Amino acid sequence: MENQISNWNGFRIHGDTSELDKIVEHSGMISLDINDITNTLSASGKNYITDGFGANVSEAFNDAVNSLPVPISKVEKLLIQFYIGVKQPSISELSVISKTLCNGDNNLQVMWGVSKIENIGDDIKVVLVTSLSK
């Protein structure tokens, strides 16, 4: 992950930048757009993209967080894209993650979206877009 550095709209990013295009292309129950992504990314710091899968929201989110090469406590801005398949989690299940993250000591800014994609079946996919300042 750390080795794959790409440019996306002028931002240097560690990870699979095709995930950013997918976020923009998928409309959803709670949609994110290119402005949400660019407001999350840092022009002068490090930016990371990770993803995770699981049978439920918590599992998928934890999988994505564990894929980050830095502790979540170092992240300043976080964009969370939830992809759901057949099984729909409740909004409260999704918002618990955001609330939990914002209760920490840091000033973490969190944005999130939810889109449906049929090809993941009963699973949940989570994509994290993170930024750290220098």
Protein backbone atom coordinates (compact mmCIF):
# COMPACT_ATOMS: atom_id res chain seq x y z
CA MET A 1 0.00 0.00 0.00
CA GLU A 2 2.66 2.52 1.01
CA ASN A 3 4.54 1.82 -2.26
CA GLN A 4 1.66 2.60 -4.62
CA ILE A 5 1.61 6.39 -4.98
CA SER A 6 -0.60 7.94 -7.63
CA ASN A 7 -1.79 11.40 -8.56
CA TRP A 8 -5.48 12.17 -8.62
CA ASN A 9 -6.63 15.69 -9.49
CA GLY A 10 -3.24 17.04 -8.39
CA PHE A 11 -3.14 15.16 -5.06
CA ARG A 12 -0.49 12.56 -4.26
CA ILE A 13 -2.24 9.52 -2.84
CA HIS A 14 -1.10 6.17 -1.42
CA GLY A 15 -3.51 3.47 -2.55
CA ASP A 16 -5.94 2.66 -5.33
CA THR A 17 -7.17 5.97 -6.76
CA SER A 18 -9.78 4.17 -8.88
CA GLU A 19 -11.79 3.99 -5.65
CA LEU A 20 -12.13 7.80 -5.78
CA ASP A 21 -13.62 7.63 -9.26
CA LYS A 22 -16.07 4.97 -8.07
CA ILE A 23 -17.18 7.20 -5.18
CA VAL A 24 -17.90 10.04 -7.60
CA GLU A 25 -19.68 7.78 -10.11
CA HIS A 26 -22.00 6.02 -7.63
CA SER A 27 -24.99 7.95 -6.47
CA GLY A 28 -26.50 6.64 -3.33
CA MET A 29 -28.69 7.13 -0.32
CA ILE A 30 -26.05 9.53 0.96
CA SER A 31 -23.90 10.63 -1.98
CA LEU A 32 -20.39 11.99 -1.92
CA ASP A 33 -18.99 14.07 -4.76
CA ILE A 34 -15.66 15.31 -6.03
CA ASN A 35 -15.79 18.33 -3.72
CA ASP A 36 -16.14 16.07 -0.68
CA ILE A 37 -13.08 14.12 -1.79
CA THR A 38 -10.93 17.17 -2.56
CA ASN A 39 -11.94 18.75 0.76
CA THR A 40 -10.74 15.59 2.51
CA LEU A 41 -7.39 15.32 0.73
CA SER A 42 -4.31 17.29 1.78
CA ALA A 43 -2.19 19.13 -0.79
CA SER A 44 0.87 19.14 1.46
CA GLY A 45 0.43 16.06 3.66
CA LYS A 46 -0.05 12.35 3.11
CA ASN A 47 -3.25 10.88 1.70
CA TYR A 48 -4.28 7.24 1.92
CA ILE A 49 -7.03 5.07 0.48
CA THR A 50 -7.87 1.69 1.99
CA ASP A 51 -10.82 -0.62 1.80
CA GLY A 52 -12.31 -3.39 3.85
CA PHE A 53 -15.00 -6.04 3.58
CA GLY A 54 -17.17 -7.74 6.12
CA ALA A 55 -20.48 -9.32 6.95
CA ASN A 56 -21.50 -6.15 8.80
CA VAL A 57 -20.58 -2.47 9.01
CA SER A 58 -18.24 -2.83 11.99
CA GLU A 59 -16.33 -5.74 10.43
CA ALA A 60 -15.85 -3.95 7.11
CA PHE A 61 -14.86 -0.68 8.81
CA ASN A 62 -12.34 -2.40 11.09
CA ASP A 63 -10.86 -4.24 8.10
CA ALA A 64 -10.34 -0.92 6.29
CA VAL A 65 -8.89 0.80 9.39
CA ASN A 66 -6.49 -2.11 9.95
CA SER A 67 -5.26 -1.65 6.35
CA LEU A 68 -4.15 1.91 7.05
CA PRO A 69 -0.36 2.22 7.39
CA VAL A 70 -0.86 4.81 10.15
CA PRO A 71 -2.95 4.75 13.33
CA ILE A 72 -6.43 6.25 12.92
CA SER A 73 -5.49 8.71 15.69
CA LYS A 74 -3.03 10.37 13.26
CA VAL A 75 -5.74 11.00 10.65
CA GLU A 76 -7.07 14.57 10.45
CA LYS A 77 -9.73 14.16 7.77
CA LEU A 78 -11.62 11.00 6.98
CA LEU A 79 -14.09 10.21 4.24
CA ILE A 80 -15.95 6.92 4.68
CA GLN A 81 -17.80 5.37 1.74
CA PHE A 82 -20.05 2.46 2.66
CA TYR A 83 -21.10 0.14 -0.16
CA ILE A 84 -23.99 -2.13 0.65
CA GLY A 85 -25.34 -5.07 -1.29
CA VAL A 86 -28.52 -6.98 -0.60
CA LYS A 87 -28.43 -6.47 3.17
CA GLN A 88 -29.10 -2.89 4.24
CA PRO A 89 -27.70 -1.64 7.53
CA SER A 90 -29.60 0.96 9.48
CA ILE A 91 -28.50 4.59 9.41
CA SER A 92 -27.88 4.38 13.16
CA GLU A 93 -25.46 1.47 12.60
CA LEU A 94 -23.54 3.61 10.10
CA SER A 95 -23.55 6.78 12.16
CA VAL A 96 -22.24 4.99 15.26
CA ILE A 97 -18.86 4.66 13.56
CA SER A 98 -18.71 8.35 12.74
CA LYS A 99 -19.78 9.34 16.27
CA THR A 100 -17.25 6.98 17.83
CA LEU A 101 -14.43 8.46 15.77
CA CYS A 102 -15.40 12.03 16.62
CA ASN A 103 -15.41 11.29 20.38
CA GLY A 104 -11.61 10.94 20.45
CA ASP A 105 -9.05 13.51 21.55
CA ASN A 106 -8.17 14.64 18.03
CA ASN A 107 -10.11 17.06 15.84
CA LEU A 108 -11.00 14.44 13.27
CA GLN A 109 -13.31 15.65 10.52
CA VAL A 110 -15.53 12.86 9.19
CA MET A 111 -17.73 12.71 6.09
CA TRP A 112 -19.55 9.63 4.92
CA GLY A 113 -21.66 8.29 2.12
CA VAL A 114 -23.70 5.18 1.41
CA SER A 115 -24.22 3.59 -1.99
CA LYS A 116 -25.74 0.32 -3.10
CA ILE A 117 -23.87 -2.08 -5.37
CA GLU A 118 -25.43 -5.43 -6.14
CA ASN A 119 -22.27 -7.42 -6.87
CA ILE A 120 -21.17 -7.71 -3.22
CA GLY A 121 -24.19 -9.77 -2.15
CA ASP A 122 -24.72 -9.78 1.62
CA ASP A 123 -21.35 -8.17 2.38
CA ILE A 124 -20.46 -4.57 3.17
CA LYS A 125 -17.52 -2.75 1.62
CA VAL A 126 -15.95 0.29 3.25
CA VAL A 127 -13.55 2.66 1.51
CA LEU A 128 -11.57 5.09 3.64
CA VAL A 129 -10.01 8.23 2.21
CA THR A 130 -7.73 9.82 4.79
CA SER A 131 -5.38 12.77 5.04
CA LEU A 132 -2.61 13.72 7.43
CA SER A 133 -0.90 17.09 7.42
CA LYS A 134 2.88 17.21 7.27
